[in-house]
Amino acid sequence: MTSNLSLTLTDLCDELELPSQFVLDLANSAEDEKRYHSYKRLKKSGGARYINASVGSLKRLQRSIHERILSRHKMPEHLHGGIKGRSIVTNAAAHVGKKLVINIDLTDFFSTIKVAVVKQIYMRDLHFDDETATVLAQVSTFKGALPTGAPTSSALANLAGLVVDDAVISTLTKKIERTEFGYSRYVDDITISGDDRIVEILPDIFEAVKSAGFTCNDKKTRILRRSTRQWVTGVVVNRKLNPPKNIVRKIRQYLYYMHRWGVEEHCETHGINPYRFMRQITGYIAYVRLTQPELADEFLRSLKPHLARFHQVDEESAPSTLNILKVMIDKEEIAHFLYDREDRAVNHPSYEPVAVSVAPESLDVDDDGTLTMRGFELAPKQRWGIYHLESISALSDKPLTDVT
């Protein structure tokens, strides 16, 4: 696309390779409720978060706008959410080994970004003329604000939040040298690291966020000192980027059992389904790879002799459940999969996995080192749930029509 200061609707449609009338028709009907699948996620703290996920031709148009326009716009280095080549790990990297880490959550981030702001982004940052920016804002918003489930929303939210970043960084640099604190944002999660001076000016930081048109969620603000486990977007940053120690310990333990007794004998002794056992250990290795790829390679070399016998694909040659779910969370997609709700399905031969649809929210590791996904189940029931990754199969972004 050309870089002049007033790109037209013709320029837009040429870039998208779509007829202008098709784009205009979608813009004029973008507020139709049939264009979105709307549902709510119940919050732990009470209340609900409302999700509007675009569908059909509008979603395809939004995805094209994201891929051909928004994703090509260079984002500042302190932004990490929904950007190719950046992740929860790159977000955490800026805060390794700091005396103090502060996590701040922005309240109702997407719904605070109104259509006028979105139009201004398309004009100011992406250089479209007024008419074309209006059309783009129409297809990118729903009910007057950014929808939480559209392909265009994360990138637009990143750009809309730059005013917050500027305000907070400006407030910090009045008291602290820029080289003495770390700052990053993962969509609506701000992380600041440094020393105790940051705590002293925390009220000023909250005021800076407010002056930029947003609000901090006081209940979710966390101040993490070096004496505690410092988490940034699910990664431990106290000394270096690390997976939890219990994960590494469990992988070494499993590999020892496999080499000494064999997979079948170990699983039979402990009443474990061997295929689930292999899914579990490959999932663990994928998790370790996020922060320690060399260690993951070491584990994978030890595991490879056992993979072929159980028809497992190693986690380097195919996306793991963990990595697919990471992408789905970033894109706010619905995950459809088969889930084995029985902890000991091997003892229930007649038991079949259940087809479920879930809006995934976060990935975590529970106290015993099991990889889990927290999400709001949409079908067959509506409820919050914790799902063990080792029990998930046939993961897809499309509804499952057959259970095999």
Protein backbone atom coordinates (compact mmCIF):
# COMPACT_ATOMS: atom_id res chain seq x y z
CA MET A 1 0.00 0.00 0.00
CA THR A 2 1.29 3.48 -0.80
CA SER A 3 2.36 5.70 2.10
CA ASN A 4 0.73 9.03 1.18
CA LEU A 5 -1.18 10.89 3.89
CA SER A 6 -4.69 10.40 2.52
CA LEU A 7 -5.29 6.82 1.46
CA THR A 8 -8.71 6.38 -0.13
CA LEU A 9 -11.36 3.69 -0.19
CA THR A 10 -9.99 2.61 -3.55
CA ASP A 11 -6.53 2.19 -2.02
CA LEU A 12 -8.03 0.14 0.80
CA CYS A 13 -10.00 -2.17 -1.48
CA ASP A 14 -7.04 -2.64 -3.81
CA GLU A 15 -4.94 -3.73 -0.84
CA LEU A 16 -7.66 -6.10 0.42
CA GLU A 17 -8.47 -7.29 -3.12
CA LEU A 18 -12.16 -6.76 -2.46
CA PRO A 19 -14.90 -4.81 -4.30
CA SER A 20 -15.64 -1.48 -2.67
CA GLN A 21 -19.37 -2.18 -2.60
CA PHE A 22 -18.76 -5.38 -0.61
CA VAL A 23 -16.78 -3.44 2.01
CA LEU A 24 -19.38 -0.66 2.15
CA ASP A 25 -22.23 -3.14 2.55
CA LEU A 26 -20.48 -4.77 5.50
CA ALA A 27 -19.75 -1.38 7.04
CA ASN A 28 -23.41 -0.41 6.79
CA SER A 29 -24.57 -3.68 8.35
CA ALA A 30 -21.78 -4.11 10.93
CA GLU A 31 -24.13 -3.24 13.81
CA ASP A 32 -26.49 -6.07 12.87
CA GLU A 33 -26.47 -8.49 15.80
CA LYS A 34 -26.32 -11.38 13.34
CA ARG A 35 -22.76 -10.30 12.55
CA TYR A 36 -21.64 -11.27 16.06
CA HIS A 37 -21.88 -14.20 18.41
CA SER A 38 -22.48 -12.59 21.79
CA TYR A 39 -22.13 -14.33 25.13
CA LYS A 40 -20.94 -13.60 28.64
CA ARG A 41 -18.22 -14.96 30.87
CA LEU A 42 -18.98 -15.05 34.55
CA LYS A 43 -16.24 -13.46 36.65
CA LYS A 44 -14.80 -15.05 39.78
CA SER A 45 -15.32 -11.78 41.60
CA GLY A 46 -18.95 -11.62 40.52
CA GLY A 47 -20.64 -10.00 37.57
CA ALA A 48 -19.92 -10.89 33.97
CA ARG A 49 -17.68 -9.95 31.07
CA TYR A 50 -19.54 -9.64 27.77
CA ILE A 51 -17.88 -11.02 24.64
CA ASN A 52 -18.86 -10.08 21.10
CA ALA A 53 -17.13 -12.36 18.57
CA SER A 54 -17.57 -11.51 14.92
CA VAL A 55 -18.67 -14.24 12.52
CA GLY A 56 -18.99 -14.93 8.80
CA SER A 57 -18.04 -12.41 6.14
CA LEU A 58 -17.47 -9.60 8.65
CA LYS A 59 -14.94 -11.72 10.54
CA ARG A 60 -13.18 -12.57 7.27
CA LEU A 61 -13.01 -8.88 6.36
CA GLN A 62 -11.64 -7.99 9.78
CA ARG A 63 -9.04 -10.73 9.52
CA SER A 64 -7.96 -9.37 6.14
CA ILE A 65 -7.69 -5.84 7.56
CA HIS A 66 -5.59 -7.19 10.39
CA GLU A 67 -3.27 -9.23 8.17
CA ARG A 68 -2.82 -6.71 5.36
CA ILE A 69 -2.94 -3.39 7.23
CA LEU A 70 -2.78 -3.52 11.02
CA SER A 71 -0.15 -6.25 11.40
CA ARG A 72 2.18 -4.36 9.03
CA HIS A 73 2.18 -1.28 11.22
CA LYS A 74 5.35 -1.21 13.33
CA MET A 75 4.47 -1.39 17.02
CA PRO A 76 6.67 0.05 19.80
CA GLU A 77 8.99 -2.43 21.46
CA HIS A 78 7.17 -2.24 24.81
CA LEU A 79 3.99 -3.78 23.31
CA HIS A 80 3.73 -7.58 23.22
CA GLY A 81 0.09 -8.77 22.98
CA GLY A 82 -1.23 -10.02 19.64
CA ILE A 83 1.96 -9.10 17.74
CA LYS A 84 3.75 -11.63 15.56
CA GLY A 85 7.10 -12.61 17.04
CA ARG A 86 6.19 -11.32 20.50
CA SER A 87 4.59 -13.24 23.34
CA ILE A 88 4.13 -13.59 27.09
CA VAL A 89 7.82 -14.48 27.21
CA THR A 90 9.09 -11.34 25.43
CA ASN A 91 6.75 -9.32 27.64
CA ALA A 92 8.30 -10.84 30.76
CA ALA A 93 11.90 -10.45 29.56
CA ALA A 94 12.05 -6.71 30.34
CA HIS A 95 11.45 -7.40 34.04
CA VAL A 96 13.95 -10.14 34.86
CA GLY A 97 15.95 -9.72 38.08
CA LYS A 98 14.27 -6.50 39.21
CA LYS A 99 13.85 -5.66 42.88
CA LEU A 100 10.17 -4.87 42.41
CA VAL A 101 7.54 -5.84 39.83
CA ILE A 102 4.12 -4.17 39.64
CA ASN A 103 1.29 -5.58 37.52
CA ILE A 104 -1.60 -3.24 36.67
CA ASP A 105 -4.82 -4.29 34.93
CA LEU A 106 -6.85 -1.76 32.93
CA THR A 107 -10.59 -1.98 33.64
CA ASP A 108 -12.96 -2.63 30.70
CA PHE A 109 -10.14 -1.84 28.29
CA PHE A 110 -11.84 -2.74 25.00
CA SER A 111 -15.21 -1.21 25.79
CA THR A 112 -13.48 2.05 26.79
CA ILE A 113 -12.12 2.42 23.24
CA LYS A 114 -14.96 4.11 21.36
CA VAL A 115 -15.61 4.38 17.64
CA ALA A 116 -14.26 7.97 17.46
CA VAL A 117 -10.92 6.78 18.86
CA VAL A 118 -10.79 3.92 16.34
CA LYS A 119 -11.49 6.30 13.47
CA GLN A 120 -8.71 8.59 14.69
CA ILE A 121 -6.28 5.65 14.74
CA TYR A 122 -7.05 4.82 11.13
CA MET A 123 -6.49 8.48 10.18
CA ARG A 124 -3.51 9.38 12.39
CA ASP A 125 -1.54 6.14 12.50
CA LEU A 126 -2.57 4.43 9.27
CA HIS A 127 -3.08 7.53 7.08
CA PHE A 128 -6.56 6.95 5.65
CA ASP A 129 -8.79 9.83 4.63
CA ASP A 130 -11.86 10.76 6.67
CA GLU A 131 -14.35 8.78 4.56
CA THR A 132 -12.27 5.59 4.51
CA ALA A 133 -11.42 5.85 8.20
CA THR A 134 -15.14 6.07 8.92
CA VAL A 135 -15.77 2.86 6.96
CA LEU A 136 -12.89 1.08 8.72
CA ALA A 137 -14.12 2.23 12.13
CA GLN A 138 -17.60 0.91 11.31
CA VAL A 139 -16.35 -2.58 10.45
CA SER A 140 -13.98 -2.62 13.46
CA THR A 141 -16.47 -1.65 16.18
CA PHE A 142 -19.74 -2.96 17.58
CA LYS A 143 -22.22 -1.06 19.70
CA GLY A 144 -19.96 1.97 19.62
CA ALA A 145 -16.74 0.37 20.91
CA LEU A 146 -14.07 -2.25 20.20
CA PRO A 147 -15.57 -5.75 20.41
CA THR A 148 -13.53 -8.20 22.46
CA GLY A 149 -13.76 -11.01 19.91
CA ALA A 150 -12.84 -9.42 16.55
CA PRO A 151 -9.55 -10.10 14.67
CA THR A 152 -8.87 -6.34 14.43
CA SER A 153 -9.37 -5.55 18.11
CA SER A 154 -6.01 -6.46 19.66
CA ALA A 155 -3.98 -4.36 17.23
CA LEU A 156 -6.36 -1.40 17.53
CA ALA A 157 -6.31 -1.74 21.32
CA ASN A 158 -2.51 -1.68 21.23
CA LEU A 159 -2.58 1.58 19.28
CA ALA A 160 -5.36 3.12 21.39
CA GLY A 161 -3.39 2.33 24.53
CA LEU A 162 -0.30 4.25 23.41
CA VAL A 163 -1.70 7.35 25.10
CA VAL A 164 -1.66 5.40 28.40
CA ASP A 165 1.91 4.25 27.81
CA ASP A 166 3.08 7.80 27.11
CA ALA A 167 1.34 9.15 30.21
CA VAL A 168 2.71 6.47 32.55
CA ILE A 169 6.26 6.58 31.17
CA SER A 170 6.23 10.39 31.38
CA THR A 171 5.13 10.19 35.03
CA LEU A 172 7.87 7.67 35.83
CA THR A 173 10.65 9.65 34.14
CA LYS A 174 9.88 12.72 36.24
CA LYS A 175 11.16 10.81 39.28
CA ILE A 176 13.23 7.94 37.85
CA GLU A 177 15.81 7.69 35.07
CA ARG A 178 14.42 5.81 32.04
CA THR A 179 17.20 3.23 32.27
CA GLU A 180 16.25 2.43 35.89
CA PHE A 181 12.77 1.01 35.28
CA GLY A 182 11.18 -1.48 32.92
CA TYR A 183 7.83 -0.93 31.21
CA SER A 184 5.73 -3.22 29.03
CA ARG A 185 2.10 -3.75 28.11
CA TYR A 186 0.40 -6.98 27.05
CA VAL A 187 -2.91 -5.65 25.67
CA ASP A 188 -4.59 -4.45 28.91
CA ASP A 189 -1.93 -5.66 31.37
CA ILE A 190 0.74 -3.09 32.28
CA THR A 191 3.94 -4.22 33.99
CA ILE A 192 6.44 -1.84 35.60
CA SER A 193 9.64 -2.97 37.31
CA GLY A 194 12.42 -1.26 39.20
CA ASP A 195 12.85 -0.30 42.85
CA ASP A 196 10.73 1.06 45.73
CA ARG A 197 10.49 4.52 44.18
CA ILE A 198 7.81 3.14 41.86
CA VAL A 199 5.58 2.30 44.82
CA GLU A 200 5.94 5.86 46.10
CA ILE A 201 4.58 7.32 42.86
CA LEU A 202 1.93 4.63 42.27
CA PRO A 203 -0.91 7.12 42.97
CA ASP A 204 0.59 9.40 40.29
CA ILE A 205 0.67 6.46 37.88
CA PHE A 206 -3.01 5.73 38.52
CA GLU A 207 -3.79 9.39 37.91
CA ALA A 208 -1.79 9.31 34.65
CA VAL A 209 -3.86 6.34 33.44
CA LYS A 210 -7.03 8.21 34.35
CA SER A 211 -5.89 11.34 32.51
CA ALA A 212 -5.42 9.19 29.39
CA GLY A 213 -9.06 8.12 29.55
CA PHE A 214 -8.69 4.69 31.17
CA THR A 215 -9.08 3.23 34.67
CA CYS A 216 -6.88 0.91 36.74
CA ASN A 217 -8.45 -2.11 38.40
CA ASP A 218 -7.23 -1.59 41.97
CA LYS A 219 -8.23 -5.13 42.99
CA LYS A 220 -5.93 -6.65 40.37
CA THR A 221 -2.90 -4.45 41.01
CA ARG A 222 -0.07 -6.63 42.34
CA ILE A 223 3.19 -5.49 43.95
CA LEU A 224 5.72 -8.35 43.83
CA ARG A 225 9.03 -8.08 45.65
CA ARG A 226 12.13 -10.20 45.09
CA SER A 227 11.39 -12.27 48.21
CA THR A 228 8.23 -13.63 46.54
CA ARG A 229 7.67 -15.37 43.21
CA GLN A 230 7.49 -12.59 40.63
CA TRP A 231 5.11 -13.48 37.80
CA VAL A 232 4.70 -11.49 34.59
CA THR A 233 2.07 -12.85 32.17
CA GLY A 234 2.56 -16.33 33.63
CA VAL A 235 6.38 -16.39 33.53
CA VAL A 236 8.64 -16.31 36.59
CA VAL A 237 11.16 -13.42 36.33
CA ASN A 238 12.98 -13.34 39.69
CA ARG A 239 16.44 -14.19 38.29
CA LYS A 240 15.91 -15.32 34.71
CA LEU A 241 12.98 -16.41 32.56
CA ASN A 242 12.02 -19.76 33.97
CA PRO A 243 9.30 -22.37 33.81
CA PRO A 244 8.15 -23.46 37.28
CA LYS A 245 10.65 -25.81 38.96
CA ASN A 246 8.00 -28.46 39.54
CA ILE A 247 7.46 -28.78 35.77
CA VAL A 248 11.17 -29.42 35.10
CA ARG A 249 11.35 -31.81 38.04
CA LYS A 250 8.31 -33.73 36.80
CA ILE A 251 9.72 -34.11 33.26
CA ARG A 252 13.01 -35.49 34.61
CA GLN A 253 11.07 -37.87 36.84
CA TYR A 254 8.88 -39.12 33.98
CA LEU A 255 11.86 -39.64 31.67
CA TYR A 256 13.60 -41.65 34.38
CA TYR A 257 10.56 -43.91 34.79
CA MET A 258 10.28 -44.39 31.01
CA HIS A 259 13.91 -45.37 30.58
CA ARG A 260 14.03 -47.66 33.60
CA TRP A 261 10.72 -49.51 33.33
CA GLY A 262 9.27 -48.52 29.97
CA VAL A 263 6.14 -46.50 29.27
CA GLU A 264 3.72 -49.43 29.30
CA GLU A 265 4.90 -50.93 32.59
CA HIS A 266 5.03 -47.55 34.34
CA CYS A 267 1.53 -46.62 33.17
CA GLU A 268 0.09 -50.04 34.03
CA THR A 269 1.58 -49.89 37.53
CA HIS A 270 0.05 -46.48 38.20
CA GLY A 271 -3.23 -46.96 36.32
CA ILE A 272 -2.43 -44.30 33.73
CA ASN A 273 -3.50 -44.26 30.09
CA PRO A 274 -0.16 -44.38 28.18
CA TYR A 275 -1.40 -42.14 25.38
CA ARG A 276 -2.49 -39.51 27.88
CA PHE A 277 0.84 -39.89 29.67
CA MET A 278 2.72 -39.15 26.43
CA ARG A 279 0.48 -36.15 25.67
CA GLN A 280 1.22 -34.84 29.15
CA ILE A 281 5.00 -35.02 28.88
CA THR A 282 5.08 -33.50 25.37
CA GLY A 283 2.89 -30.67 26.68
CA TYR A 284 5.31 -30.09 29.54
CA ILE A 285 8.24 -29.92 27.11
CA ALA A 286 6.35 -27.38 24.97
CA TYR A 287 5.85 -25.25 28.08
CA VAL A 288 9.57 -25.40 28.94
CA ARG A 289 10.44 -24.41 25.37
CA LEU A 290 8.79 -21.02 25.89
CA THR A 291 11.63 -19.91 28.16
CA GLN A 292 14.39 -22.55 27.94
CA PRO A 293 14.55 -24.00 24.40
CA GLU A 294 17.94 -25.70 24.99
CA LEU A 295 16.56 -27.62 27.96
CA ALA A 296 13.44 -28.54 25.93
CA ASP A 297 15.72 -29.92 23.18
CA GLU A 298 17.53 -32.04 25.78
CA PHE A 299 14.24 -33.46 27.04
CA LEU A 300 12.98 -34.08 23.51
CA ARG A 301 16.09 -36.08 22.57
CA SER A 302 15.44 -38.34 25.55
CA LEU A 303 11.77 -38.69 24.65
CA LYS A 304 12.06 -39.36 20.90
CA PRO A 305 12.68 -43.13 21.13
CA HIS A 306 9.24 -43.48 22.76
CA LEU A 307 7.24 -41.16 20.48
CA ALA A 308 6.80 -43.41 17.45
CA ARG A 309 5.40 -46.34 19.47
CA PHE A 310 2.53 -44.19 20.69
CA HIS A 311 1.96 -42.35 17.38
CA GLN A 312 2.95 -39.06 19.01
CA VAL A 313 4.22 -36.18 16.89
CA ASP A 314 7.08 -34.37 18.58
CA GLU A 315 6.29 -30.83 19.67
CA GLU A 316 8.79 -29.26 17.24
CA SER A 317 7.15 -30.60 14.08
CA ALA A 318 3.51 -29.80 14.93
CA PRO A 319 1.81 -27.12 17.04
CA SER A 320 1.14 -28.39 20.55
CA THR A 321 -2.15 -27.96 22.38
CA LEU A 322 -0.38 -25.37 24.53
CA ASN A 323 0.77 -23.27 21.56
CA ILE A 324 -2.58 -23.50 19.75
CA LEU A 325 -4.40 -22.34 22.90
CA LYS A 326 -1.94 -19.45 23.31
CA VAL A 327 -2.87 -18.22 19.82
CA MET A 328 -6.59 -18.70 20.52
CA ILE A 329 -6.34 -16.65 23.73
CA ASP A 330 -4.48 -13.86 21.92
CA LYS A 331 -7.08 -13.81 19.13
CA GLU A 332 -9.97 -14.37 21.57
CA GLU A 333 -11.20 -17.34 19.55
CA ILE A 334 -13.51 -20.11 20.75
CA ALA A 335 -11.78 -23.45 21.35
CA HIS A 336 -13.66 -26.60 20.37
CA PHE A 337 -12.25 -29.93 21.54
CA LEU A 338 -12.87 -33.38 22.99
CA TYR A 339 -12.35 -33.47 26.74
CA ASP A 340 -11.88 -36.50 28.93
CA ARG A 341 -13.54 -35.47 32.18
CA GLU A 342 -12.52 -38.68 33.97
CA ASP A 343 -9.20 -38.51 35.83
CA ARG A 344 -8.80 -42.26 35.41
CA ALA A 345 -10.47 -42.94 32.07
CA VAL A 346 -8.37 -46.09 31.69
CA ASN A 347 -10.56 -47.66 34.40
CA HIS A 348 -13.74 -46.75 32.55
CA PRO A 349 -13.48 -48.39 29.10
CA SER A 350 -17.01 -47.38 28.13
CA TYR A 351 -16.46 -43.73 28.93
CA GLU A 352 -16.23 -41.43 25.91
CA PRO A 353 -14.76 -37.91 25.80
CA VAL A 354 -17.18 -35.00 25.67
CA ALA A 355 -17.28 -32.40 22.87
CA VAL A 356 -17.04 -28.96 24.49
CA SER A 357 -16.75 -25.36 23.35
CA VAL A 358 -14.79 -23.01 25.59
CA ALA A 359 -13.77 -19.35 25.54
CA PRO A 360 -10.19 -19.78 26.85
CA GLU A 361 -8.90 -17.05 29.16
CA SER A 362 -5.51 -18.10 30.57
CA LEU A 363 -2.93 -20.87 30.78
CA ASP A 364 -1.40 -21.88 34.08
CA VAL A 365 0.35 -24.61 36.05
CA ASP A 366 -1.43 -25.95 39.11
CA ASP A 367 0.24 -26.89 42.40
CA ASP A 368 1.17 -30.41 41.28
CA GLY A 369 2.69 -29.20 38.00
CA THR A 370 -0.23 -29.98 35.67
CA LEU A 371 -0.69 -27.65 32.68
CA THR A 372 -4.18 -26.17 32.77
CA MET A 373 -6.37 -23.81 30.80
CA ARG A 374 -8.98 -21.66 32.49
CA GLY A 375 -11.97 -20.68 30.40
CA PHE A 376 -15.70 -20.18 30.23
CA GLU A 377 -17.51 -23.21 28.86
CA LEU A 378 -20.21 -22.31 26.35
CA ALA A 379 -21.39 -25.84 25.56
CA PRO A 380 -22.69 -28.27 26.63
CA LYS A 381 -23.01 -26.15 29.81
CA GLN A 382 -22.31 -22.52 30.62
CA ARG A 383 -19.81 -22.26 33.47
CA TRP A 384 -16.22 -21.46 34.36
CA GLY A 385 -13.88 -24.43 34.23
CA ILE A 386 -10.27 -25.55 34.62
CA TYR A 387 -9.20 -27.96 31.86
CA HIS A 388 -6.13 -30.21 31.97
CA LEU A 389 -4.24 -29.90 28.68
CA GLU A 390 -3.34 -33.59 28.75
CA SER A 391 -7.08 -34.42 28.57
CA ILE A 392 -7.74 -32.26 25.50
CA SER A 393 -7.79 -33.77 22.00
CA ALA A 394 -9.07 -32.81 18.53
CA LEU A 395 -8.57 -29.11 19.32
CA SER A 396 -10.02 -26.83 16.64
CA ASP A 397 -11.35 -23.33 16.07
CA LYS A 398 -14.42 -24.88 14.41
CA PRO A 399 -17.26 -26.75 16.17
CA LEU A 400 -16.83 -30.51 16.32
CA THR A 401 -19.57 -32.32 14.48
CA ASP A 402 -18.45 -35.88 15.19
CA VAL A 403 -16.93 -37.52 18.23
CA THR A 404 -14.60 -40.34 17.23
